[in-house]
Amino acid sequence: MLSLAELDEMRDVEIDKIAREKLVEISTIELNLFQTASQRAASYLAQIQNPYCFLCGESVVRLVFNNDGGDLKNHLKNYFISTKQS
C-alpha cells in the first residue's frame, strides 16, 4: 500500500521527469465490482502504481487537481447542463 508521502511525491513530479516505460496502460486495469469501494481503490492503486500519471494508448495522462477547485460532481453537472443548452 502506498503511503501519503509516496503519493505526495508522485503528485509533485514534473511530467518530463517521469519515465514513460514505467507508466501503466490504464486499459490493463481490472476492477472487481463485487469488492467494496475501499478494496477496489486499493486494487486500483496497486495496479496503476502512479495514480497521477499513466498511459492511455500512446498518450501520457497527468492528473492535476486544484486544492480549491470545488466538487467534481458539481463541475460535471454544470458541464453537462451547459452542453445540453448549446
PDB file of N, CA and C in Angstrom:
ATOM      1  N   MET A   1       0.840  -1.181   0.000  1.00  0.00           N
ATOM      2  CA  MET A   1       0.000   0.000   0.000  1.00  0.00           C
ATOM      3  C   MET A   1       0.881   1.238   0.000  1.00  0.00           C
ATOM      4  N   LEU A   2       0.478   2.238  -0.794  1.00  0.00           N
ATOM      5  CA  LEU A   2       1.231   3.480  -0.881  1.00  0.00           C
ATOM      6  C   LEU A   2       0.995   4.346   0.348  1.00  0.00           C
ATOM      7  N   SER A   3       2.057   4.980   0.795  1.00  0.00           N
ATOM      8  CA  SER A   3       1.919   5.913   1.911  1.00  0.00           C
ATOM      9  C   SER A   3       1.519   7.288   1.370  1.00  0.00           C
ATOM     10  N   LEU A   4       1.057   8.158   2.245  1.00  0.00           N
ATOM     11  CA  LEU A   4       0.715   9.516   1.834  1.00  0.00           C
ATOM     12  C   LEU A   4       1.938  10.258   1.309  1.00  0.00           C
ATOM     13  N   ALA A   5       3.087  10.003   1.898  1.00  0.00           N
ATOM     14  CA  ALA A   5       4.321  10.647   1.445  1.00  0.00           C
ATOM     15  C   ALA A   5       4.658  10.210   0.017  1.00  0.00           C
ATOM     16  N   GLU A   6       4.481   8.922  -0.272  1.00  0.00           N
ATOM     17  CA  GLU A   6       4.742   8.418  -1.626  1.00  0.00           C
ATOM     18  C   GLU A   6       3.775   9.031  -2.638  1.00  0.00           C
ATOM     19  N   LEU A   7       2.493   9.141  -2.255  1.00  0.00           N
ATOM     20  CA  LEU A   7       1.506   9.761  -3.137  1.00  0.00           C
ATOM     21  C   LEU A   7       1.841  11.229  -3.387  1.00  0.00           C
ATOM     22  N   ASP A   8       2.240  11.945  -2.337  1.00  0.00           N
ATOM     23  CA  ASP A   8       2.623  13.344  -2.487  1.00  0.00           C
ATOM     24  C   ASP A   8       3.808  13.488  -3.428  1.00  0.00           C
ATOM     25  N   GLU A   9       4.776  12.591  -3.300  1.00  0.00           N
ATOM     26  CA  GLU A   9       5.956  12.624  -4.167  1.00  0.00           C
ATOM     27  C   GLU A   9       5.560  12.395  -5.623  1.00  0.00           C
ATOM     28  N   MET A  10       4.678  11.425  -5.869  1.00  0.00           N
ATOM     29  CA  MET A  10       4.204  11.143  -7.233  1.00  0.00           C
ATOM     30  C   MET A  10       3.458  12.342  -7.809  1.00  0.00           C
ATOM     31  N   ARG A  11       2.669  12.989  -6.978  1.00  0.00           N
ATOM     32  CA  ARG A  11       1.863  14.123  -7.419  1.00  0.00           C
ATOM     33  C   ARG A  11       2.742  15.279  -7.876  1.00  0.00           C
ATOM     34  N   ASP A  12       3.868  15.474  -7.221  1.00  0.00           N
ATOM     35  CA  ASP A  12       4.696  16.651  -7.455  1.00  0.00           C
ATOM     36  C   ASP A  12       5.761  16.480  -8.530  1.00  0.00           C
ATOM     37  N   VAL A  13       5.894  15.291  -9.110  1.00  0.00           N
ATOM     38  CA  VAL A  13       6.921  15.059 -10.131  1.00  0.00           C
ATOM     39  C   VAL A  13       6.499  15.719 -11.440  1.00  0.00           C
ATOM     40  N   GLU A  14       7.426  16.418 -12.071  1.00  0.00           N
ATOM     41  CA  GLU A  14       7.162  17.047 -13.369  1.00  0.00           C
ATOM     42  C   GLU A  14       7.007  15.957 -14.431  1.00  0.00           C
ATOM     43  N   ILE A  15       6.108  16.170 -15.366  1.00  0.00           N
ATOM     44  CA  ILE A  15       5.792  15.146 -16.365  1.00  0.00           C
ATOM     45  C   ILE A  15       7.009  14.784 -17.215  1.00  0.00           C
ATOM     46  N   ASP A  16       7.885  15.734 -17.482  1.00  0.00           N
ATOM     47  CA  ASP A  16       9.061  15.431 -18.311  1.00  0.00           C
ATOM     48  C   ASP A  16      10.123  14.643 -17.549  1.00  0.00           C
ATOM     49  N   LYS A  17       9.927  14.448 -16.246  1.00  0.00           N
ATOM     50  CA  LYS A  17      10.870  13.665 -15.452  1.00  0.00           C
ATOM     51  C   LYS A  17      10.339  12.264 -15.143  1.00  0.00           C
ATOM     52  N   ILE A  18       9.196  11.921 -15.720  1.00  0.00           N
ATOM     53  CA  ILE A  18       8.594  10.606 -15.492  1.00  0.00           C
ATOM     54  C   ILE A  18       9.011   9.675 -16.614  1.00  0.00           C
ATOM     55  N   ALA A  19       9.544   8.513 -16.257  1.00  0.00           N
ATOM     56  CA  ALA A  19       9.981   7.534 -17.247  1.00  0.00           C
ATOM     57  C   ALA A  19       8.757   6.858 -17.874  1.00  0.00           C
ATOM     58  N   ARG A  20       8.532   7.107 -19.160  1.00  0.00           N
ATOM     59  CA  ARG A  20       7.371   6.580 -19.870  1.00  0.00           C
ATOM     60  C   ARG A  20       7.264   5.066 -19.741  1.00  0.00           C
ATOM     61  N   GLU A  21       8.390   4.378 -19.767  1.00  0.00           N
ATOM     62  CA  GLU A  21       8.390   2.911 -19.703  1.00  0.00           C
ATOM     63  C   GLU A  21       7.926   2.377 -18.346  1.00  0.00           C
ATOM     64  N   LYS A  22       7.868   3.236 -17.356  1.00  0.00           N
ATOM     65  CA  LYS A  22       7.401   2.825 -16.030  1.00  0.00           C
ATOM     66  C   LYS A  22       5.910   3.077 -15.829  1.00  0.00           C
ATOM     67  N   LEU A  23       5.272   3.738 -16.799  1.00  0.00           N
ATOM     68  CA  LEU A  23       3.858   4.051 -16.673  1.00  0.00           C
ATOM     69  C   LEU A  23       2.986   2.865 -17.059  1.00  0.00           C
ATOM     70  N   VAL A  24       1.834   2.757 -16.432  1.00  0.00           N
ATOM     71  CA  VAL A  24       0.901   1.660 -16.662  1.00  0.00           C
ATOM     72  C   VAL A  24      -0.166   2.112 -17.659  1.00  0.00           C
ATOM     73  N   GLU A  25      -0.515   1.242 -18.577  1.00  0.00           N
ATOM     74  CA  GLU A  25      -1.604   1.489 -19.526  1.00  0.00           C
ATOM     75  C   GLU A  25      -2.928   1.318 -18.783  1.00  0.00           C
ATOM     76  N   ILE A  26      -3.740   2.361 -18.769  1.00  0.00           N
ATOM     77  CA  ILE A  26      -4.984   2.367 -17.989  1.00  0.00           C
ATOM     78  C   ILE A  26      -5.939   1.253 -18.411  1.00  0.00           C
ATOM     79  N   SER A  27      -5.910   0.864 -19.675  1.00  0.00           N
ATOM     80  CA  SER A  27      -6.841  -0.173 -20.147  1.00  0.00           C
ATOM     81  C   SER A  27      -6.526  -1.556 -19.588  1.00  0.00           C
ATOM     82  N   THR A  28      -5.359  -1.707 -18.983  1.00  0.00           N
ATOM     83  CA  THR A  28      -4.997  -3.009 -18.409  1.00  0.00           C
ATOM     84  C   THR A  28      -5.512  -3.173 -16.982  1.00  0.00           C
ATOM     85  N   ILE A  29      -6.047  -2.103 -16.413  1.00  0.00           N
ATOM     86  CA  ILE A  29      -6.542  -2.146 -15.038  1.00  0.00           C
ATOM     87  C   ILE A  29      -7.855  -2.918 -14.995  1.00  0.00           C
ATOM     88  N   GLU A  30      -7.941  -3.855 -14.089  1.00  0.00           N
ATOM     89  CA  GLU A  30      -9.158  -4.648 -13.916  1.00  0.00           C
ATOM     90  C   GLU A  30      -9.687  -4.445 -12.501  1.00  0.00           C
ATOM     91  N   LEU A  31     -10.978  -4.132 -12.419  1.00  0.00           N
ATOM     92  CA  LEU A  31     -11.606  -3.938 -11.122  1.00  0.00           C
ATOM     93  C   LEU A  31     -12.709  -4.966 -10.920  1.00  0.00           C
ATOM     94  N   ASN A  32     -12.807  -5.451  -9.706  1.00  0.00           N
ATOM     95  CA  ASN A  32     -13.830  -6.421  -9.335  1.00  0.00           C
ATOM     96  C   ASN A  32     -14.984  -5.660  -8.694  1.00  0.00           C
ATOM     97  N   LEU A  33     -16.110  -5.587  -9.412  1.00  0.00           N
ATOM     98  CA  LEU A  33     -17.243  -4.812  -8.925  1.00  0.00           C
ATOM     99  C   LEU A  33     -17.927  -5.440  -7.718  1.00  0.00           C
ATOM    100  N   PHE A  34     -17.537  -6.653  -7.369  1.00  0.00           N
ATOM    101  CA  PHE A  34     -18.105  -7.310  -6.186  1.00  0.00           C
ATOM    102  C   PHE A  34     -17.326  -6.961  -4.922  1.00  0.00           C
ATOM    103  N   GLN A  35     -16.205  -6.279  -5.069  1.00  0.00           N
ATOM    104  CA  GLN A  35     -15.434  -5.834  -3.913  1.00  0.00           C
ATOM    105  C   GLN A  35     -16.028  -4.542  -3.367  1.00  0.00           C
ATOM    106  N   THR A  36     -15.673  -4.236  -2.122  1.00  0.00           N
ATOM    107  CA  THR A  36     -16.096  -2.965  -1.541  1.00  0.00           C
ATOM    108  C   THR A  36     -15.341  -1.836  -2.238  1.00  0.00           C
ATOM    109  N   ALA A  37     -15.834  -0.615  -2.056  1.00  0.00           N
ATOM    110  CA  ALA A  37     -15.176   0.543  -2.668  1.00  0.00           C
ATOM    111  C   ALA A  37     -13.728   0.671  -2.208  1.00  0.00           C
ATOM    112  N   SER A  38     -13.477   0.433  -0.940  1.00  0.00           N
ATOM    113  CA  SER A  38     -12.098   0.554  -0.436  1.00  0.00           C
ATOM    114  C   SER A  38     -11.206  -0.554  -1.003  1.00  0.00           C
ATOM    115  N   GLN A  39     -11.752  -1.740  -1.187  1.00  0.00           N
ATOM    116  CA  GLN A  39     -10.975  -2.825  -1.798  1.00  0.00           C
ATOM    117  C   GLN A  39     -10.666  -2.508  -3.262  1.00  0.00           C
ATOM    118  N   ARG A  40     -11.653  -1.958  -3.974  1.00  0.00           N
ATOM    119  CA  ARG A  40     -11.426  -1.587  -5.380  1.00  0.00           C
ATOM    120  C   ARG A  40     -10.390  -0.473  -5.477  1.00  0.00           C
ATOM    121  N   ALA A  41     -10.457   0.490  -4.562  1.00  0.00           N
ATOM    122  CA  ALA A  41      -9.480   1.583  -4.571  1.00  0.00           C
ATOM    123  C   ALA A  41      -8.077   1.048  -4.323  1.00  0.00           C
ATOM    124  N   ALA A  42      -7.943   0.145  -3.369  1.00  0.00           N
ATOM    125  CA  ALA A  42      -6.629  -0.450  -3.073  1.00  0.00           C
ATOM    126  C   ALA A  42      -6.124  -1.244  -4.270  1.00  0.00           C
ATOM    127  N   SER A  43      -7.005  -1.983  -4.909  1.00  0.00           N
ATOM    128  CA  SER A  43      -6.629  -2.764  -6.091  1.00  0.00           C
ATOM    129  C   SER A  43      -6.202  -1.839  -7.227  1.00  0.00           C
ATOM    130  N   TYR A  44      -6.956  -0.765  -7.438  1.00  0.00           N
ATOM    131  CA  TYR A  44      -6.614   0.201  -8.485  1.00  0.00           C
ATOM    132  C   TYR A  44      -5.233   0.802  -8.237  1.00  0.00           C
ATOM    133  N   LEU A  45      -4.985   1.245  -7.005  1.00  0.00           N
ATOM    134  CA  LEU A  45      -3.692   1.850  -6.678  1.00  0.00           C
ATOM    135  C   LEU A  45      -2.541   0.857  -6.868  1.00  0.00           C
ATOM    136  N   ALA A  46      -2.782  -0.391  -6.498  1.00  0.00           N
ATOM    137  CA  ALA A  46      -1.742  -1.408  -6.667  1.00  0.00           C
ATOM    138  C   ALA A  46      -1.442  -1.641  -8.150  1.00  0.00           C
ATOM    139  N   GLN A  47      -2.474  -1.630  -8.973  1.00  0.00           N
ATOM    140  CA  GLN A  47      -2.289  -1.893 -10.400  1.00  0.00           C
ATOM    141  C   GLN A  47      -1.739  -0.689 -11.167  1.00  0.00           C
ATOM    142  N   ILE A  48      -2.249   0.507 -10.870  1.00  0.00           N
ATOM    143  CA  ILE A  48      -1.862   1.696 -11.634  1.00  0.00           C
ATOM    144  C   ILE A  48      -0.477   2.194 -11.240  1.00  0.00           C
ATOM    145  N   GLN A  49      -0.056   1.901 -10.034  1.00  0.00           N
ATOM    146  CA  GLN A  49       1.251   2.259  -9.478  1.00  0.00           C
ATOM    147  C   GLN A  49       1.422   3.758  -9.242  1.00  0.00           C
ATOM    148  N   ASN A  50       1.054   4.593 -10.210  1.00  0.00           N
ATOM    149  CA  ASN A  50       1.110   6.046 -10.033  1.00  0.00           C
ATOM    150  C   ASN A  50      -0.245   6.614 -10.467  1.00  0.00           C
ATOM    151  N   PRO A  51      -1.114   6.930  -9.513  1.00  0.00           N
ATOM    152  CA  PRO A  51      -2.451   7.396  -9.881  1.00  0.00           C
ATOM    153  C   PRO A  51      -2.466   8.781 -10.527  1.00  0.00           C
ATOM    154  N   TYR A  52      -1.355   9.492 -10.489  1.00  0.00           N
ATOM    155  CA  TYR A  52      -1.287  10.825 -11.075  1.00  0.00           C
ATOM    156  C   TYR A  52      -0.757  10.829 -12.501  1.00  0.00           C
ATOM    157  N   CYS A  53      -0.181   9.738 -12.948  1.00  0.00           N
ATOM    158  CA  CYS A  53       0.398   9.693 -14.283  1.00  0.00           C
ATOM    159  C   CYS A  53       0.356   8.265 -14.808  1.00  0.00           C
ATOM    160  N   PHE A  54      -0.225   8.094 -15.995  1.00  0.00           N
ATOM    161  CA  PHE A  54      -0.373   6.767 -16.598  1.00  0.00           C
ATOM    162  C   PHE A  54      -0.519   6.930 -18.095  1.00  0.00           C
ATOM    163  N   LEU A  55      -0.567   5.830 -18.800  1.00  0.00           N
ATOM    164  CA  LEU A  55      -0.737   5.856 -20.244  1.00  0.00           C
ATOM    165  C   LEU A  55      -2.183   5.573 -20.615  1.00  0.00           C
ATOM    166  N   CYS A  56      -2.633   6.221 -21.666  1.00  0.00           N
ATOM    167  CA  CYS A  56      -3.924   5.924 -22.290  1.00  0.00           C
ATOM    168  C   CYS A  56      -3.612   5.838 -23.773  1.00  0.00           C
ATOM    169  N   GLY A  57      -3.396   4.604 -24.239  1.00  0.00           N
ATOM    170  CA  GLY A  57      -2.911   4.426 -25.603  1.00  0.00           C
ATOM    171  C   GLY A  57      -1.491   4.950 -25.684  1.00  0.00           C
ATOM    172  N   GLU A  58      -1.241   5.814 -26.643  1.00  0.00           N
ATOM    173  CA  GLU A  58       0.096   6.397 -26.807  1.00  0.00           C
ATOM    174  C   GLU A  58       0.277   7.686 -26.006  1.00  0.00           C
ATOM    175  N   SER A  59      -0.794   8.144 -25.368  1.00  0.00           N
ATOM    176  CA  SER A  59      -0.743   9.427 -24.656  1.00  0.00           C
ATOM    177  C   SER A  59      -0.405   9.246 -23.181  1.00  0.00           C
ATOM    178  N   VAL A  60       0.457  10.116 -22.692  1.00  0.00           N
ATOM    179  CA  VAL A  60       0.744  10.178 -21.263  1.00  0.00           C
ATOM    180  C   VAL A  60      -0.307  11.082 -20.637  1.00  0.00           C
ATOM    181  N   VAL A  61      -0.984  10.579 -19.616  1.00  0.00           N
ATOM    182  CA  VAL A  61      -2.013  11.351 -18.914  1.00  0.00           C
ATOM    183  C   VAL A  61      -1.455  11.751 -17.557  1.00  0.00           C
ATOM    184  N   ARG A  62      -1.542  13.038 -17.255  1.00  0.00           N
ATOM    185  CA  ARG A  62      -1.057  13.557 -15.969  1.00  0.00           C
ATOM    186  C   ARG A  62      -2.226  14.251 -15.297  1.00  0.00           C
ATOM    187  N   LEU A  63      -2.653  13.751 -14.148  1.00  0.00           N
ATOM    188  CA  LEU A  63      -3.765  14.334 -13.400  1.00  0.00           C
ATOM    189  C   LEU A  63      -3.245  15.382 -12.428  1.00  0.00           C
ATOM    190  N   VAL A  64      -3.889  16.527 -12.437  1.00  0.00           N
ATOM    191  CA  VAL A  64      -3.546  17.609 -11.519  1.00  0.00           C
ATOM    192  C   VAL A  64      -4.854  18.147 -10.962  1.00  0.00           C
ATOM    193  N   PHE A  65      -4.904  18.310  -9.659  1.00  0.00           N
ATOM    194  CA  PHE A  65      -6.103  18.802  -9.000  1.00  0.00           C
ATOM    195  C   PHE A  65      -5.814  20.123  -8.311  1.00  0.00           C
ATOM    196  N   ASN A  66      -6.757  21.026  -8.391  1.00  0.00           N
ATOM    197  CA  ASN A  66      -6.665  22.310  -7.733  1.00  0.00           C
ATOM    198  C   ASN A  66      -7.250  22.157  -6.330  1.00  0.00           C
ATOM    199  N   ASN A  67      -6.518  22.545  -5.309  1.00  0.00           N
ATOM    200  CA  ASN A  67      -6.986  22.388  -3.932  1.00  0.00           C
ATOM    201  C   ASN A  67      -8.317  23.077  -3.670  1.00  0.00           C
ATOM    202  N   ASP A  68      -8.559  24.197  -4.316  1.00  0.00           N
ATOM    203  CA  ASP A  68      -9.818  24.894  -4.104  1.00  0.00           C
ATOM    204  C   ASP A  68     -10.694  24.845  -5.359  1.00  0.00           C
ATOM    205  N   GLY A  69     -10.579  23.756  -6.098  1.00  0.00           N
ATOM    206  CA  GLY A  69     -11.279  23.627  -7.372  1.00  0.00           C
ATOM    207  C   GLY A  69     -12.739  23.234  -7.274  1.00  0.00           C
ATOM    208  N   GLY A  70     -13.260  22.966  -6.098  1.00  0.00           N
ATOM    209  CA  GLY A  70     -14.655  22.605  -5.963  1.00  0.00           C
ATOM    210  C   GLY A  70     -14.887  21.113  -6.114  1.00  0.00           C
ATOM    211  N   ASP A  71     -16.125  20.760  -6.103  1.00  0.00           N
ATOM    212  CA  ASP A  71     -16.576  19.371  -6.126  1.00  0.00           C
ATOM    213  C   ASP A  71     -16.693  18.868  -7.567  1.00  0.00           C
ATOM    214  N   LEU A  72     -16.071  17.742  -7.890  1.00  0.00           N
ATOM    215  CA  LEU A  72     -16.114  17.181  -9.236  1.00  0.00           C
ATOM    216  C   LEU A  72     -17.550  16.935  -9.686  1.00  0.00           C
ATOM    217  N   LYS A  73     -18.391  16.455  -8.792  1.00  0.00           N
ATOM    218  CA  LYS A  73     -19.790  16.180  -9.127  1.00  0.00           C
ATOM    219  C   LYS A  73     -20.471  17.444  -9.651  1.00  0.00           C
ATOM    220  N   ASN A  74     -20.256  18.560  -8.973  1.00  0.00           N
ATOM    221  CA  ASN A  74     -20.866  19.820  -9.411  1.00  0.00           C
ATOM    222  C   ASN A  74     -20.291  20.304 -10.733  1.00  0.00           C
ATOM    223  N   HIS A  75     -18.982  20.133 -10.922  1.00  0.00           N
ATOM    224  CA  HIS A  75     -18.368  20.534 -12.192  1.00  0.00           C
ATOM    225  C   HIS A  75     -18.946  19.725 -13.351  1.00  0.00           C
ATOM    226  N   LEU A  76     -19.070  18.422 -13.155  1.00  0.00           N
ATOM    227  CA  LEU A  76     -19.629  17.578 -14.210  1.00  0.00           C
ATOM    228  C   LEU A  76     -21.084  17.928 -14.490  1.00  0.00           C
ATOM    229  N   LYS A  77     -21.847  18.149 -13.445  1.00  0.00           N
ATOM    230  CA  LYS A  77     -23.252  18.526 -13.599  1.00  0.00           C
ATOM    231  C   LYS A  77     -23.367  19.812 -14.416  1.00  0.00           C
ATOM    232  N   ASN A  78     -22.586  20.825 -14.049  1.00  0.00           N
ATOM    233  CA  ASN A  78     -22.605  22.093 -14.768  1.00  0.00           C
ATOM    234  C   ASN A  78     -22.158  21.930 -16.223  1.00  0.00           C
ATOM    235  N   TYR A  79     -21.163  21.101 -16.430  1.00  0.00           N
ATOM    236  CA  TYR A  79     -20.681  20.855 -17.794  1.00  0.00           C
ATOM    237  C   TYR A  79     -21.782  20.254 -18.662  1.00  0.00           C
ATOM    238  N   PHE A  80     -22.445  19.221 -18.147  1.00  0.00           N
ATOM    239  CA  PHE A  80     -23.488  18.551 -18.935  1.00  0.00           C
ATOM    240  C   PHE A  80     -24.704  19.452 -19.144  1.00  0.00           C
ATOM    241  N   ILE A  81     -25.012  20.274 -18.174  1.00  0.00           N
ATOM    242  CA  ILE A  81     -26.102  21.238 -18.349  1.00  0.00           C
ATOM    243  C   ILE A  81     -25.742  22.221 -19.460  1.00  0.00           C
ATOM    244  N   SER A  82     -24.500  22.685 -19.461  1.00  0.00           N
ATOM    245  CA  SER A  82     -24.081  23.660 -20.480  1.00  0.00           C
ATOM    246  C   SER A  82     -24.058  23.031 -21.871  1.00  0.00           C
ATOM    247  N   THR A  83     -23.684  21.785 -22.000  1.00  0.00           N
ATOM    248  CA  THR A  83     -23.673  21.144 -23.319  1.00  0.00           C
ATOM    249  C   THR A  83     -25.081  20.889 -23.816  1.00  0.00           C
ATOM    250  N   LYS A  84     -25.993  20.625 -22.907  1.00  0.00           N
ATOM    251  CA  LYS A  84     -27.390  20.382 -23.278  1.00  0.00           C
ATOM    252  C   LYS A  84     -28.033  21.667 -23.790  1.00  0.00           C
ATOM    253  N   GLN A  85     -27.626  22.816 -23.237  1.00  0.00           N
ATOM    254  CA  GLN A  85     -28.200  24.107 -23.619  1.00  0.00           C
ATOM    255  C   GLN A  85     -27.647  24.623 -24.936  1.00  0.00           C
ATOM    256  N   SER A  86     -26.519  24.097 -25.389  1.00  0.00           N
ATOM    257  CA  SER A  86     -25.916  24.597 -26.637  1.00  0.00           C
ATOM    258  C   SER A  86     -26.570  24.011 -27.855  1.00  0.00           C
TER     259      SER A  86
END
